[in-house]
Amino acid sequence: MVDAARGRSEVLQMLRRASTRVLLVVFVLGATSGAVATCSMTSGRGVPTVVRGTVSGVAADSDNGDVTAIAFRFDGHDYATPDEGESVPVVAHVPWTDAAGENHGGDRPVCLAPGKYGQRVELGVLDVRGEGNWYTQLVVWVHCLS
């Protein structure tokens, strides 16, 4: 009877050690896969490129008048016609700095007023990968130069 009880006790101790090892292996694998997934999701994110140019149009499609895109002429690009430019989407509630250097947020940049064009701006532009192998540019901050 004593030998049977001792045998059961040894078996239970072996099972506890084995289950602890299995849990440790599962935890390590989970932590490793989480770290790899986080790294792969964030490695394509970067610092916005700072560009300068001239606003040639402003699109505000939302009900509250948020800027959704601007027509923009990048400095250093040759355009076929004087009216030609590129459409660049703008994030909602884009943070911005006025010509005096004061930071703003939550309201429309004064240099992106509806119907206004020709103003000089500096933009923080982030390259964002879309579905497939194409990239788009997204304005993530605005500095009004004029």
Protein backbone atom coordinates (compact mmCIF):
# COMPACT_ATOMS: atom_id res chain seq x y z
CA MET A 1 0.00 0.00 0.00
CA VAL A 2 2.85 2.36 0.85
CA ASP A 3 4.61 1.53 -2.41
CA ALA A 4 1.44 2.27 -4.43
CA ALA A 5 0.97 5.65 -2.69
CA ARG A 6 4.63 6.51 -3.24
CA GLY A 7 4.27 5.52 -6.91
CA ARG A 8 1.22 7.75 -7.35
CA SER A 9 3.02 10.63 -5.65
CA GLU A 10 6.02 10.25 -7.97
CA VAL A 11 3.74 10.14 -11.02
CA LEU A 12 1.93 13.30 -9.88
CA GLN A 13 5.26 15.09 -9.34
CA MET A 14 6.41 14.06 -12.83
CA LEU A 15 3.15 15.33 -14.34
CA ARG A 16 3.49 18.66 -12.50
CA ARG A 17 7.06 19.11 -13.77
CA ALA A 18 6.02 18.19 -17.30
CA SER A 19 3.03 20.58 -17.26
CA THR A 20 5.25 23.38 -15.92
CA ARG A 21 7.71 22.78 -18.76
CA VAL A 22 4.91 22.76 -21.33
CA LEU A 23 3.51 26.03 -19.96
CA LEU A 24 6.99 27.59 -20.02
CA VAL A 25 7.52 26.51 -23.65
CA VAL A 26 4.09 27.85 -24.66
CA PHE A 27 4.80 31.16 -22.91
CA VAL A 28 8.20 31.56 -24.61
CA LEU A 29 6.75 30.72 -28.03
CA GLY A 30 3.88 33.16 -27.52
CA ALA A 31 6.18 35.96 -26.41
CA THR A 32 8.52 35.34 -29.33
CA SER A 33 5.74 35.29 -31.92
CA GLY A 34 4.26 38.47 -30.41
CA ALA A 35 7.61 40.23 -30.62
CA VAL A 36 8.10 39.15 -34.24
CA ALA A 37 4.58 40.30 -35.19
CA THR A 38 5.06 43.66 -33.49
CA CYS A 39 8.40 44.18 -35.20
CA SER A 40 7.05 43.34 -38.64
CA MET A 41 4.00 45.59 -38.18
CA THR A 42 6.00 48.62 -37.06
CA SER A 43 9.21 48.30 -39.09
CA GLY A 44 7.63 49.88 -42.18
CA ARG A 45 6.65 52.98 -40.24
CA GLY A 46 9.05 55.84 -40.37
CA VAL A 47 9.66 59.49 -39.90
CA PRO A 48 7.75 61.80 -42.22
CA THR A 49 9.69 63.42 -45.05
CA VAL A 50 9.72 67.22 -44.84
CA VAL A 51 8.78 68.83 -48.16
CA ARG A 52 8.10 72.38 -49.24
CA GLY A 53 5.88 73.67 -51.97
CA THR A 54 2.86 75.69 -52.96
CA VAL A 55 -0.81 74.89 -52.33
CA SER A 56 -2.83 75.01 -55.53
CA GLY A 57 -6.17 73.81 -54.12
CA VAL A 58 -7.92 72.54 -50.99
CA ALA A 59 -10.54 69.78 -50.74
CA ALA A 60 -12.84 69.74 -47.70
CA ASP A 61 -15.41 67.00 -48.17
CA SER A 62 -16.52 66.44 -44.58
CA ASP A 63 -19.55 68.04 -42.92
CA ASN A 64 -17.41 70.02 -40.49
CA GLY A 65 -15.04 71.31 -43.18
CA ASP A 66 -11.97 69.25 -42.30
CA VAL A 67 -9.32 69.31 -44.99
CA THR A 68 -9.24 65.90 -46.68
CA ALA A 69 -6.72 66.58 -49.45
CA ILE A 70 -4.73 69.36 -51.04
CA ALA A 71 -3.48 69.99 -54.54
CA PHE A 72 0.20 70.64 -54.09
CA ARG A 73 3.17 71.64 -56.21
CA PHE A 74 6.33 70.15 -54.70
CA ASP A 75 9.41 72.36 -54.88
CA GLY A 76 11.99 70.93 -57.26
CA HIS A 77 9.45 69.08 -59.45
CA ASP A 78 8.99 70.08 -63.07
CA TYR A 79 5.32 70.31 -63.99
CA ALA A 80 4.06 70.47 -67.59
CA THR A 81 1.65 73.33 -66.92
CA PRO A 82 1.51 76.07 -64.28
CA ASP A 83 -1.78 74.67 -62.91
CA GLU A 84 -0.52 71.11 -62.60
CA GLY A 85 0.11 69.62 -59.16
CA GLU A 86 -0.35 66.49 -57.13
CA SER A 87 -3.25 65.52 -54.89
CA VAL A 88 -2.07 64.63 -51.40
CA PRO A 89 -4.47 63.33 -48.72
CA VAL A 90 -4.38 64.99 -45.29
CA VAL A 91 -5.11 63.24 -41.97
CA ALA A 92 -8.14 64.45 -40.04
CA HIS A 93 -7.36 67.10 -37.40
CA VAL A 94 -3.85 67.48 -38.78
CA PRO A 95 -1.49 69.17 -36.33
CA TRP A 96 -0.14 72.42 -37.75
CA THR A 97 2.13 75.35 -37.06
CA ASP A 98 1.36 78.90 -38.15
CA ALA A 99 3.87 81.25 -39.80
CA ALA A 100 4.79 82.66 -36.36
CA GLY A 101 5.74 79.18 -35.13
CA GLU A 102 2.76 78.56 -32.81
CA ASN A 103 1.47 74.98 -32.69
CA HIS A 104 -2.21 74.23 -33.26
CA GLY A 105 -4.40 71.16 -33.41
CA GLY A 106 -8.03 70.25 -33.84
CA ASP A 107 -8.82 73.13 -36.17
CA ARG A 108 -8.20 73.83 -39.83
CA PRO A 109 -4.77 75.22 -40.76
CA VAL A 110 -5.18 78.87 -41.80
CA CYS A 111 -3.00 78.27 -44.86
CA LEU A 112 -5.45 75.59 -46.04
CA ALA A 113 -8.55 77.78 -46.01
CA PRO A 114 -11.25 76.92 -48.58
CA GLY A 115 -10.81 78.68 -51.90
CA LYS A 116 -7.34 79.90 -50.97
CA TYR A 117 -4.31 78.90 -53.03
CA GLY A 118 -0.78 80.03 -53.77
CA GLN A 119 0.36 79.91 -50.15
CA ARG A 120 3.74 78.40 -49.29
CA VAL A 121 3.75 75.48 -46.86
CA GLU A 122 6.04 72.87 -45.41
CA LEU A 123 4.53 69.42 -44.98
CA GLY A 124 5.36 66.28 -43.06
CA VAL A 125 4.62 63.58 -45.62
CA LEU A 126 4.57 59.90 -44.71
CA ASP A 127 4.79 57.18 -47.35
CA VAL A 128 2.03 54.69 -46.59
CA ARG A 129 1.87 51.29 -48.21
CA GLY A 130 -1.51 50.41 -49.66
CA GLU A 131 -2.91 47.08 -50.67
CA GLY A 132 -0.71 45.50 -53.28
CA ASN A 133 2.63 47.05 -54.11
CA TRP A 134 1.67 50.72 -54.38
CA TYR A 135 2.48 53.51 -51.98
CA THR A 136 0.67 56.75 -51.30
CA GLN A 137 1.73 59.87 -49.50
CA LEU A 138 -0.17 61.19 -46.50
CA VAL A 139 0.23 64.63 -44.91
CA VAL A 140 0.64 64.18 -41.14
CA TRP A 141 1.54 67.79 -40.20
CA VAL A 142 1.46 71.23 -41.80
CA HIS A 143 3.67 74.28 -41.28
CA CYS A 144 2.23 77.43 -42.82
CA LEU A 145 5.12 79.46 -44.23
CA SER A 146 3.02 82.34 -45.58
